[in-house]
N, C-alpha and C. Protein backbone atom coordinates (compact mmCIF):
# COMPACT_ATOMS: atom_id res chain seq x y z
N MET A 1 27.92 9.88 0.30
CA MET A 1 27.59 11.24 0.64
C MET A 1 26.14 11.52 0.21
N LYS A 2 25.42 12.36 0.96
CA LYS A 2 24.04 12.68 0.63
C LYS A 2 23.87 14.19 0.52
N THR A 3 22.81 14.58 -0.13
CA THR A 3 22.44 15.99 -0.21
C THR A 3 21.75 16.37 1.09
N ASN A 4 22.14 17.49 1.67
CA ASN A 4 21.55 17.95 2.92
C ASN A 4 20.66 19.15 2.66
N LEU A 5 19.43 19.06 3.10
CA LEU A 5 18.52 20.19 3.00
C LEU A 5 18.64 21.03 4.26
N LEU A 6 18.81 22.33 4.08
CA LEU A 6 18.90 23.24 5.22
C LEU A 6 17.57 23.93 5.42
N PHE A 7 17.16 24.05 6.65
CA PHE A 7 15.99 24.83 7.02
C PHE A 7 14.75 24.50 6.17
N PRO A 8 14.34 23.24 6.17
CA PRO A 8 13.16 22.89 5.35
C PRO A 8 11.88 23.46 5.98
N ASN A 9 11.35 24.50 5.39
CA ASN A 9 10.14 25.12 5.93
C ASN A 9 9.02 25.22 4.91
N HIS A 10 9.12 24.45 3.86
CA HIS A 10 8.06 24.40 2.86
C HIS A 10 7.53 22.98 2.82
N PHE A 11 6.32 22.80 3.31
CA PHE A 11 5.71 21.48 3.39
C PHE A 11 4.20 21.66 3.41
N TYR A 12 3.51 20.59 3.18
CA TYR A 12 2.05 20.64 3.26
C TYR A 12 1.52 19.26 3.58
N TRP A 13 0.30 19.24 4.05
CA TRP A 13 -0.40 17.99 4.33
C TRP A 13 -1.57 17.90 3.37
N HIS A 14 -1.76 16.73 2.78
CA HIS A 14 -2.78 16.52 1.75
C HIS A 14 -3.43 15.17 2.03
N PHE A 15 -4.74 15.20 2.28
CA PHE A 15 -5.45 13.94 2.54
C PHE A 15 -6.93 14.13 2.21
N LYS A 16 -7.64 13.01 2.13
CA LYS A 16 -9.09 13.06 1.95
C LYS A 16 -9.68 13.49 3.28
N ALA A 17 -10.53 14.52 3.26
CA ALA A 17 -11.17 14.98 4.50
C ALA A 17 -12.01 13.83 5.07
N PRO A 18 -11.92 13.58 6.39
CA PRO A 18 -12.67 12.48 6.99
C PRO A 18 -14.17 12.54 6.73
N ASN A 19 -14.71 13.73 6.61
CA ASN A 19 -16.14 13.94 6.35
C ASN A 19 -16.35 14.64 5.00
N ALA A 20 -15.59 14.20 4.00
CA ALA A 20 -15.58 14.87 2.70
C ALA A 20 -16.97 15.01 2.10
N GLU A 21 -17.75 13.96 2.11
CA GLU A 21 -19.08 14.03 1.48
C GLU A 21 -19.98 15.04 2.19
N GLU A 22 -19.91 15.07 3.52
CA GLU A 22 -20.71 16.02 4.29
C GLU A 22 -20.29 17.47 3.97
N LEU A 23 -19.00 17.69 3.88
CA LEU A 23 -18.48 19.03 3.56
C LEU A 23 -18.85 19.45 2.14
N ILE A 24 -18.72 18.53 1.19
CA ILE A 24 -19.10 18.81 -0.20
C ILE A 24 -20.58 19.17 -0.26
N SER A 25 -21.40 18.40 0.41
CA SER A 25 -22.84 18.65 0.43
C SER A 25 -23.17 20.03 0.99
N ALA A 26 -22.54 20.38 2.11
CA ALA A 26 -22.79 21.69 2.72
C ALA A 26 -22.36 22.83 1.80
N LEU A 27 -21.21 22.69 1.17
CA LEU A 27 -20.70 23.75 0.29
C LEU A 27 -21.52 23.87 -0.99
N ASN A 28 -22.02 22.76 -1.48
CA ASN A 28 -22.86 22.81 -2.68
C ASN A 28 -24.23 23.43 -2.41
N LYS A 29 -24.64 23.48 -1.15
CA LYS A 29 -25.91 24.10 -0.79
C LYS A 29 -25.80 25.61 -0.61
N GLU A 30 -24.58 26.13 -0.56
CA GLU A 30 -24.40 27.56 -0.38
C GLU A 30 -24.97 28.31 -1.57
N THR A 31 -25.88 29.20 -1.29
CA THR A 31 -26.52 29.96 -2.36
C THR A 31 -26.30 31.46 -2.21
N ALA A 32 -25.41 31.81 -1.31
CA ALA A 32 -25.13 33.24 -1.11
C ALA A 32 -24.63 33.86 -2.40
N ASP A 33 -24.90 35.13 -2.55
CA ASP A 33 -24.45 35.84 -3.74
C ASP A 33 -22.94 36.02 -3.71
N ILE A 34 -22.36 36.03 -4.89
CA ILE A 34 -20.94 36.33 -5.03
C ILE A 34 -20.73 37.75 -4.54
N ASP A 35 -19.71 37.94 -3.70
CA ASP A 35 -19.41 39.27 -3.18
C ASP A 35 -17.90 39.46 -3.12
N ASN A 36 -17.32 39.83 -4.25
CA ASN A 36 -15.87 40.01 -4.34
C ASN A 36 -15.40 41.25 -3.59
N SER A 37 -16.30 42.16 -3.27
CA SER A 37 -15.92 43.42 -2.62
C SER A 37 -15.40 43.21 -1.19
N GLN A 38 -15.73 42.10 -0.56
CA GLN A 38 -15.28 41.85 0.81
C GLN A 38 -13.83 41.38 0.89
N PHE A 39 -13.19 41.19 -0.25
CA PHE A 39 -11.85 40.62 -0.27
C PHE A 39 -10.87 41.62 -0.88
N ASP A 40 -10.21 42.39 -0.02
CA ASP A 40 -9.31 43.43 -0.51
C ASP A 40 -8.03 42.85 -1.14
N TRP A 41 -7.80 41.56 -0.99
CA TRP A 41 -6.61 40.93 -1.54
C TRP A 41 -6.81 40.46 -2.97
N SER A 42 -7.97 40.66 -3.54
CA SER A 42 -8.28 40.01 -4.81
C SER A 42 -8.09 40.87 -6.06
N ASN A 43 -7.36 41.96 -5.95
CA ASN A 43 -7.25 42.86 -7.10
C ASN A 43 -6.31 42.34 -8.20
N LEU A 44 -5.51 41.32 -7.94
CA LEU A 44 -4.60 40.80 -8.96
C LEU A 44 -5.06 39.47 -9.55
N CYS A 45 -6.23 39.00 -9.13
CA CYS A 45 -6.71 37.72 -9.62
C CYS A 45 -8.06 37.89 -10.29
N ASP A 46 -8.55 36.81 -10.85
CA ASP A 46 -9.87 36.81 -11.46
C ASP A 46 -10.57 35.54 -11.00
N VAL A 47 -11.24 35.63 -9.87
CA VAL A 47 -11.97 34.51 -9.29
C VAL A 47 -13.14 35.09 -8.51
N ASP A 48 -14.27 34.43 -8.59
CA ASP A 48 -15.43 34.87 -7.83
C ASP A 48 -15.42 34.21 -6.46
N LYS A 49 -15.89 34.96 -5.44
CA LYS A 49 -15.83 34.47 -4.07
C LYS A 49 -17.16 34.66 -3.37
N ILE A 50 -17.48 33.68 -2.52
CA ILE A 50 -18.66 33.77 -1.67
C ILE A 50 -18.18 33.78 -0.22
N PRO A 51 -18.38 34.85 0.51
CA PRO A 51 -17.96 34.89 1.92
C PRO A 51 -18.85 33.97 2.77
N LEU A 52 -18.22 33.31 3.72
CA LEU A 52 -18.91 32.41 4.65
C LEU A 52 -18.60 32.82 6.07
N SER A 53 -19.29 32.24 7.03
CA SER A 53 -19.03 32.49 8.45
C SER A 53 -18.38 31.26 9.07
N TRP A 54 -17.36 31.49 9.88
CA TRP A 54 -16.69 30.36 10.53
C TRP A 54 -17.65 29.61 11.44
N ASP A 55 -18.65 30.30 12.00
CA ASP A 55 -19.64 29.64 12.85
C ASP A 55 -20.32 28.47 12.13
N ASP A 56 -20.53 28.64 10.84
CA ASP A 56 -21.23 27.62 10.06
C ASP A 56 -20.32 26.47 9.62
N TYR A 57 -19.00 26.66 9.72
CA TYR A 57 -18.08 25.65 9.16
C TYR A 57 -17.09 25.06 10.15
N ILE A 58 -17.00 25.58 11.34
CA ILE A 58 -16.02 25.06 12.30
C ILE A 58 -16.26 23.58 12.59
N ALA A 59 -17.51 23.19 12.75
CA ALA A 59 -17.80 21.78 13.04
C ALA A 59 -17.45 20.88 11.85
N LEU A 60 -17.56 21.42 10.64
CA LEU A 60 -17.26 20.62 9.46
C LEU A 60 -15.75 20.53 9.17
N ILE A 61 -14.98 21.50 9.64
CA ILE A 61 -13.53 21.47 9.45
C ILE A 61 -12.83 20.74 10.60
N THR A 62 -13.46 20.69 11.75
CA THR A 62 -12.85 20.08 12.94
C THR A 62 -12.34 18.65 12.71
N PRO A 63 -13.08 17.75 12.04
CA PRO A 63 -12.53 16.40 11.82
C PRO A 63 -11.19 16.42 11.07
N SER A 64 -11.04 17.32 10.12
CA SER A 64 -9.76 17.41 9.38
C SER A 64 -8.67 17.99 10.26
N LEU A 65 -9.01 18.96 11.10
CA LEU A 65 -8.02 19.53 12.03
C LEU A 65 -7.58 18.47 13.05
N GLU A 66 -8.51 17.66 13.51
CA GLU A 66 -8.16 16.58 14.46
C GLU A 66 -7.26 15.55 13.79
N TYR A 67 -7.55 15.23 12.54
CA TYR A 67 -6.71 14.28 11.81
C TYR A 67 -5.32 14.87 11.59
N LEU A 68 -5.25 16.15 11.26
CA LEU A 68 -3.96 16.83 11.10
C LEU A 68 -3.17 16.76 12.40
N SER A 69 -3.83 16.96 13.52
CA SER A 69 -3.18 16.87 14.83
C SER A 69 -2.58 15.48 15.04
N GLU A 70 -3.31 14.44 14.63
CA GLU A 70 -2.79 13.07 14.73
C GLU A 70 -1.55 12.88 13.86
N ILE A 71 -1.61 13.40 12.64
CA ILE A 71 -0.46 13.28 11.72
C ILE A 71 0.77 13.96 12.30
N ILE A 72 0.58 15.16 12.81
CA ILE A 72 1.70 15.94 13.36
C ILE A 72 2.19 15.31 14.66
N GLY A 73 1.28 14.72 15.42
CA GLY A 73 1.65 14.12 16.70
C GLY A 73 1.61 15.11 17.85
N LYS A 74 0.95 16.24 17.63
CA LYS A 74 0.82 17.25 18.67
C LYS A 74 -0.59 17.82 18.61
N LYS A 75 -1.12 18.13 19.78
CA LYS A 75 -2.44 18.76 19.85
C LYS A 75 -2.29 20.27 19.72
N PHE A 76 -3.29 20.87 19.14
CA PHE A 76 -3.32 22.32 19.02
C PHE A 76 -4.77 22.78 18.96
N GLN A 77 -4.96 24.02 19.29
CA GLN A 77 -6.25 24.65 19.07
C GLN A 77 -6.11 25.54 17.84
N ALA A 78 -7.21 25.72 17.16
CA ALA A 78 -7.17 26.52 15.94
C ALA A 78 -8.26 27.57 15.95
N ASN A 79 -7.89 28.78 15.67
CA ASN A 79 -8.85 29.86 15.45
C ASN A 79 -8.98 30.06 13.94
N LEU A 80 -10.18 29.86 13.44
CA LEU A 80 -10.41 30.03 12.01
C LEU A 80 -10.90 31.43 11.70
N GLY A 81 -10.31 32.00 10.65
CA GLY A 81 -10.85 33.24 10.12
C GLY A 81 -12.08 32.89 9.29
N ASN A 82 -12.86 33.87 8.93
CA ASN A 82 -14.04 33.58 8.12
C ASN A 82 -13.63 32.94 6.80
N PRO A 83 -14.20 31.78 6.50
CA PRO A 83 -13.86 31.10 5.25
C PRO A 83 -14.58 31.70 4.05
N TRP A 84 -14.23 31.20 2.88
CA TRP A 84 -14.88 31.65 1.66
C TRP A 84 -14.85 30.52 0.64
N ILE A 85 -15.74 30.62 -0.33
CA ILE A 85 -15.76 29.70 -1.46
C ILE A 85 -15.15 30.42 -2.66
N ASN A 86 -14.28 29.73 -3.38
CA ASN A 86 -13.71 30.23 -4.63
C ASN A 86 -14.45 29.56 -5.79
N LEU A 87 -14.91 30.35 -6.74
CA LEU A 87 -15.59 29.83 -7.93
C LEU A 87 -14.79 30.25 -9.16
N TYR A 88 -14.26 29.27 -9.88
CA TYR A 88 -13.46 29.54 -11.07
C TYR A 88 -14.27 29.20 -12.32
N LYS A 89 -14.61 30.23 -13.09
CA LYS A 89 -15.27 30.06 -14.38
C LYS A 89 -14.18 30.02 -15.46
N PRO A 90 -14.53 29.66 -16.70
CA PRO A 90 -13.50 29.61 -17.75
C PRO A 90 -12.68 30.89 -17.82
N GLY A 91 -11.36 30.73 -17.82
CA GLY A 91 -10.44 31.85 -17.92
C GLY A 91 -10.04 32.47 -16.60
N GLN A 92 -10.70 32.11 -15.52
CA GLN A 92 -10.37 32.71 -14.22
C GLN A 92 -9.18 31.99 -13.57
N PHE A 93 -8.50 32.70 -12.66
CA PHE A 93 -7.28 32.20 -12.03
C PHE A 93 -7.05 32.93 -10.70
N GLN A 94 -6.10 32.41 -9.93
CA GLN A 94 -5.66 33.08 -8.70
C GLN A 94 -4.16 33.30 -8.82
N GLU A 95 -3.74 34.55 -8.70
CA GLU A 95 -2.32 34.86 -8.82
C GLU A 95 -1.52 34.23 -7.67
N MET A 96 -0.22 34.13 -7.85
CA MET A 96 0.66 33.60 -6.82
C MET A 96 0.64 34.56 -5.63
N HIS A 97 0.45 34.00 -4.40
CA HIS A 97 0.32 34.83 -3.21
C HIS A 97 0.59 34.01 -1.96
N ASP A 98 0.65 34.69 -0.84
CA ASP A 98 0.71 34.02 0.46
C ASP A 98 -0.37 34.63 1.34
N HIS A 99 -0.43 34.21 2.61
CA HIS A 99 -1.47 34.70 3.52
C HIS A 99 -0.83 35.25 4.80
N PRO A 100 -0.34 36.49 4.76
CA PRO A 100 0.28 37.06 5.95
C PRO A 100 -0.74 37.22 7.09
N GLY A 101 -0.25 37.11 8.32
CA GLY A 101 -1.11 37.33 9.48
C GLY A 101 -1.78 36.08 10.02
N CYS A 102 -1.49 34.93 9.43
CA CYS A 102 -2.03 33.68 9.98
C CYS A 102 -0.94 32.62 9.94
N ASP A 103 -1.23 31.44 10.47
CA ASP A 103 -0.23 30.38 10.54
C ASP A 103 -0.38 29.34 9.44
N LEU A 104 -1.61 28.88 9.26
CA LEU A 104 -1.89 27.86 8.25
C LEU A 104 -2.99 28.33 7.31
N VAL A 105 -2.99 27.75 6.13
CA VAL A 105 -4.07 27.94 5.18
C VAL A 105 -4.70 26.58 4.93
N CYS A 106 -6.00 26.57 4.80
CA CYS A 106 -6.75 25.36 4.50
C CYS A 106 -7.42 25.55 3.14
N VAL A 107 -7.30 24.55 2.27
CA VAL A 107 -8.01 24.54 0.99
C VAL A 107 -8.68 23.18 0.86
N PHE A 108 -9.98 23.20 0.62
CA PHE A 108 -10.76 21.98 0.41
C PHE A 108 -11.31 22.01 -1.01
N PHE A 109 -11.12 20.92 -1.74
CA PHE A 109 -11.54 20.86 -3.14
C PHE A 109 -12.92 20.21 -3.23
N VAL A 110 -13.89 20.97 -3.68
CA VAL A 110 -15.27 20.50 -3.76
C VAL A 110 -15.47 19.62 -5.00
N ASN A 111 -14.78 19.95 -6.09
CA ASN A 111 -14.92 19.16 -7.31
C ASN A 111 -13.61 19.17 -8.08
N ASN A 112 -13.55 18.34 -9.10
CA ASN A 112 -12.41 18.31 -10.00
C ASN A 112 -12.89 17.76 -11.34
N GLY A 113 -12.07 17.90 -12.36
CA GLY A 113 -12.46 17.40 -13.66
C GLY A 113 -11.44 17.73 -14.73
N GLU A 114 -11.76 17.32 -15.93
CA GLU A 114 -10.87 17.55 -17.06
C GLU A 114 -10.79 19.04 -17.36
N ASN A 115 -9.59 19.51 -17.63
CA ASN A 115 -9.30 20.91 -17.94
C ASN A 115 -9.56 21.86 -16.76
N PHE A 116 -9.62 21.32 -15.55
CA PHE A 116 -9.76 22.17 -14.38
C PHE A 116 -8.43 22.88 -14.11
N SER A 117 -8.52 24.06 -13.54
CA SER A 117 -7.30 24.77 -13.16
C SER A 117 -6.53 23.96 -12.13
N LYS A 118 -5.24 24.22 -12.07
CA LYS A 118 -4.36 23.47 -11.17
C LYS A 118 -3.95 24.34 -9.99
N PHE A 119 -3.90 23.73 -8.83
CA PHE A 119 -3.38 24.39 -7.63
C PHE A 119 -1.87 24.13 -7.62
N TYR A 120 -1.09 25.18 -7.30
CA TYR A 120 0.36 25.01 -7.28
C TYR A 120 1.00 25.78 -6.13
N PHE A 121 2.17 25.29 -5.74
CA PHE A 121 3.05 26.01 -4.83
C PHE A 121 4.22 26.54 -5.65
N ALA A 122 4.75 27.69 -5.25
CA ALA A 122 5.88 28.29 -5.94
C ALA A 122 7.00 28.55 -4.94
N ASP A 123 8.21 28.38 -5.39
CA ASP A 123 9.38 28.63 -4.54
C ASP A 123 9.64 30.13 -4.51
N ARG A 124 9.35 30.75 -3.35
CA ARG A 124 9.53 32.19 -3.25
C ARG A 124 11.00 32.61 -3.32
N ASN A 125 11.92 31.66 -3.14
CA ASN A 125 13.35 31.97 -3.19
C ASN A 125 13.99 31.61 -4.53
N ALA A 126 13.20 31.21 -5.51
CA ALA A 126 13.76 30.77 -6.78
C ALA A 126 14.60 31.84 -7.46
N ILE A 127 14.25 33.08 -7.29
CA ILE A 127 14.97 34.17 -7.93
C ILE A 127 16.41 34.29 -7.40
N THR A 128 16.67 33.74 -6.23
CA THR A 128 18.00 33.85 -5.63
C THR A 128 18.95 32.73 -6.09
N VAL A 129 18.42 31.75 -6.81
CA VAL A 129 19.25 30.63 -7.26
C VAL A 129 19.68 30.88 -8.70
N PRO A 130 20.99 30.86 -8.96
CA PRO A 130 21.46 31.11 -10.32
C PRO A 130 20.89 30.09 -11.31
N VAL A 131 20.62 30.53 -12.52
CA VAL A 131 20.05 29.68 -13.56
C VAL A 131 20.92 28.45 -13.79
N SER A 132 22.23 28.62 -13.73
CA SER A 132 23.14 27.48 -13.96
C SER A 132 22.92 26.38 -12.91
N ILE A 133 22.63 26.75 -11.67
CA ILE A 133 22.35 25.77 -10.62
C ILE A 133 21.00 25.11 -10.87
N VAL A 134 20.01 25.91 -11.25
CA VAL A 134 18.67 25.37 -11.56
C VAL A 134 18.79 24.33 -12.66
N ASP A 135 19.53 24.66 -13.72
CA ASP A 135 19.71 23.73 -14.84
C ASP A 135 20.50 22.49 -14.44
N LEU A 136 21.57 22.67 -13.69
CA LEU A 136 22.43 21.55 -13.29
C LEU A 136 21.69 20.53 -12.44
N PHE A 137 20.86 21.01 -11.53
CA PHE A 137 20.17 20.11 -10.60
C PHE A 137 18.70 19.88 -10.96
N ASP A 138 18.29 20.34 -12.13
CA ASP A 138 16.89 20.19 -12.56
C ASP A 138 15.92 20.61 -11.47
N LEU A 139 16.18 21.79 -10.90
CA LEU A 139 15.33 22.29 -9.83
C LEU A 139 13.98 22.75 -10.39
N GLU A 140 12.95 22.52 -9.65
CA GLU A 140 11.61 22.94 -10.03
C GLU A 140 11.22 24.16 -9.20
N ASN A 141 10.67 25.15 -9.84
CA ASN A 141 10.22 26.34 -9.13
C ASN A 141 8.75 26.26 -8.74
N TYR A 142 8.03 25.30 -9.35
CA TYR A 142 6.61 25.13 -9.08
C TYR A 142 6.33 23.67 -8.76
N GLN A 143 5.39 23.46 -7.85
CA GLN A 143 4.95 22.11 -7.50
C GLN A 143 3.43 22.09 -7.63
N TYR A 144 2.95 21.30 -8.57
CA TYR A 144 1.51 21.19 -8.78
C TYR A 144 0.96 20.08 -7.90
N VAL A 145 -0.23 20.30 -7.34
CA VAL A 145 -0.84 19.33 -6.44
C VAL A 145 -1.98 18.63 -7.19
N ASP A 146 -1.85 17.32 -7.32
CA ASP A 146 -2.94 16.53 -7.90
C ASP A 146 -4.00 16.36 -6.82
N TYR A 147 -5.23 16.74 -7.13
CA TYR A 147 -6.29 16.67 -6.13
C TYR A 147 -7.54 16.05 -6.74
N GLU A 148 -8.37 15.55 -5.85
CA GLU A 148 -9.68 15.03 -6.23
C GLU A 148 -10.72 15.70 -5.34
N ALA A 149 -11.97 15.62 -5.72
CA ALA A 149 -13.05 16.16 -4.90
C ALA A 149 -12.98 15.49 -3.53
N GLY A 150 -13.05 16.31 -2.47
CA GLY A 150 -12.98 15.79 -1.11
C GLY A 150 -11.61 15.87 -0.48
N ASP A 151 -10.58 16.21 -1.27
CA ASP A 151 -9.23 16.36 -0.72
C ASP A 151 -9.11 17.70 -0.01
N ILE A 152 -8.26 17.72 1.00
CA ILE A 152 -8.02 18.94 1.76
C ILE A 152 -6.52 19.14 1.91
N LEU A 153 -6.08 20.39 1.86
CA LEU A 153 -4.67 20.76 2.06
C LEU A 153 -4.57 21.69 3.25
N PHE A 154 -3.51 21.51 4.02
CA PHE A 154 -3.11 22.46 5.04
C PHE A 154 -1.64 22.78 4.77
N PHE A 155 -1.29 24.06 4.82
CA PHE A 155 0.10 24.44 4.57
C PHE A 155 0.42 25.75 5.27
N PRO A 156 1.72 25.98 5.57
CA PRO A 156 2.11 27.23 6.23
C PRO A 156 1.73 28.44 5.37
N ALA A 157 1.25 29.47 6.04
CA ALA A 157 0.71 30.64 5.35
C ALA A 157 1.75 31.42 4.53
N GLN A 158 3.03 31.25 4.84
CA GLN A 158 4.06 32.00 4.10
C GLN A 158 4.38 31.36 2.75
N MET A 159 3.87 30.17 2.49
CA MET A 159 4.17 29.50 1.22
C MET A 159 3.40 30.16 0.08
N MET A 160 4.14 30.48 -0.96
CA MET A 160 3.53 31.07 -2.15
C MET A 160 2.74 29.99 -2.88
N HIS A 161 1.53 30.35 -3.32
CA HIS A 161 0.69 29.39 -4.02
C HIS A 161 -0.26 30.14 -4.94
N GLY A 162 -0.89 29.42 -5.85
CA GLY A 162 -1.82 30.03 -6.77
C GLY A 162 -2.63 28.98 -7.49
N VAL A 163 -3.45 29.42 -8.43
CA VAL A 163 -4.30 28.55 -9.22
C VAL A 163 -4.19 28.99 -10.68
N THR A 164 -3.88 28.03 -11.55
CA THR A 164 -3.72 28.34 -12.97
C THR A 164 -5.06 28.68 -13.61
N LYS A 165 -5.00 29.16 -14.83
CA LYS A 165 -6.20 29.55 -15.59
C LYS A 165 -7.14 28.34 -15.75
N HIS A 166 -8.41 28.56 -15.46
CA HIS A 166 -9.41 27.49 -15.56
C HIS A 166 -9.84 27.32 -17.01
N LYS A 167 -9.85 26.08 -17.49
CA LYS A 167 -10.15 25.83 -18.91
C LYS A 167 -11.35 24.93 -19.12
N SER A 168 -12.13 24.72 -18.10
CA SER A 168 -13.32 23.89 -18.21
C SER A 168 -14.57 24.77 -18.18
N LYS A 169 -15.64 24.29 -18.79
CA LYS A 169 -16.92 25.01 -18.72
C LYS A 169 -17.62 24.74 -17.40
N ILE A 170 -17.17 23.71 -16.68
CA ILE A 170 -17.72 23.40 -15.36
C ILE A 170 -17.02 24.30 -14.35
N ILE A 171 -17.78 24.97 -13.49
CA ILE A 171 -17.19 25.87 -12.50
C ILE A 171 -16.42 25.05 -11.47
N ARG A 172 -15.17 25.42 -11.26
CA ARG A 172 -14.33 24.79 -10.23
C ARG A 172 -14.65 25.45 -8.90
N LYS A 173 -14.88 24.64 -7.86
CA LYS A 173 -15.26 25.19 -6.56
C LYS A 173 -14.31 24.66 -5.48
N SER A 174 -13.82 25.59 -4.66
CA SER A 174 -12.99 25.21 -3.51
C SER A 174 -13.37 26.08 -2.32
N PHE A 175 -13.03 25.59 -1.15
CA PHE A 175 -13.28 26.27 0.12
C PHE A 175 -11.92 26.63 0.69
N SER A 176 -11.78 27.82 1.24
CA SER A 176 -10.51 28.24 1.84
C SER A 176 -10.77 28.93 3.17
N CYS A 177 -9.80 28.82 4.06
CA CYS A 177 -9.83 29.60 5.30
C CYS A 177 -8.43 29.74 5.86
N ASN A 178 -8.24 30.79 6.62
CA ASN A 178 -6.98 31.04 7.31
C ASN A 178 -7.10 30.57 8.75
N ILE A 179 -5.99 30.06 9.29
CA ILE A 179 -6.00 29.48 10.62
C ILE A 179 -4.85 30.04 11.45
N LYS A 180 -5.17 30.44 12.66
CA LYS A 180 -4.14 30.80 13.65
C LYS A 180 -4.07 29.65 14.65
N LEU A 181 -2.87 29.18 14.92
CA LEU A 181 -2.67 28.04 15.80
C LEU A 181 -2.42 28.50 17.24
N ILE A 182 -2.95 27.73 18.16
CA ILE A 182 -2.69 27.93 19.58
C ILE A 182 -2.18 26.61 20.13
N PRO A 183 -0.85 26.43 20.22
CA PRO A 183 -0.32 25.14 20.70
C PRO A 183 -0.79 24.85 22.11
N GLN A 184 -1.05 23.59 22.38
CA GLN A 184 -1.46 23.17 23.71
C GLN A 184 -0.28 22.54 24.42
N LEU A 185 -0.22 22.78 25.71
CA LEU A 185 0.84 22.16 26.51
C LEU A 185 0.50 20.68 26.69
N PRO A 186 1.52 19.82 26.83
CA PRO A 186 1.27 18.38 26.97
C PRO A 186 0.44 18.03 28.19
């Protein structure tokens, strides 16, 4: 007998971006001022953000979207919302959240290091599972993602995720954007 998972809708894709060095270089050249005021969703977190334009980054994200299409085995078109850079200084974090109004979220890790904050997914339904079941089956409510500079994640926008408190003196930098999918007919 085997355990059967019902309605598996929590998944993600994690790989080295095909043009990781080019993307890292472009993001490290961004000198725009931090502007947290453009992000109305940021009142529960402590992270600095630099707004970007999708016009400047669509060509740099396209190789990863094409690779994702190969992995999935289906072609799609993607409309990107304006991306942003996240800058985590010591003590900063991103609260657990999702991204309503889009299909996928993209996170690209520009750097990594010792005592860097961790990216995690959280089970939004954990509160509905009795503690006795959690204990009996050693269920995990959080899944931490091990990442390196140049790694990229794509995941469904309804998945709860966050970033733990940053404990390094080196600023942690990541790129994020929201994606709406337009499936293509065969």
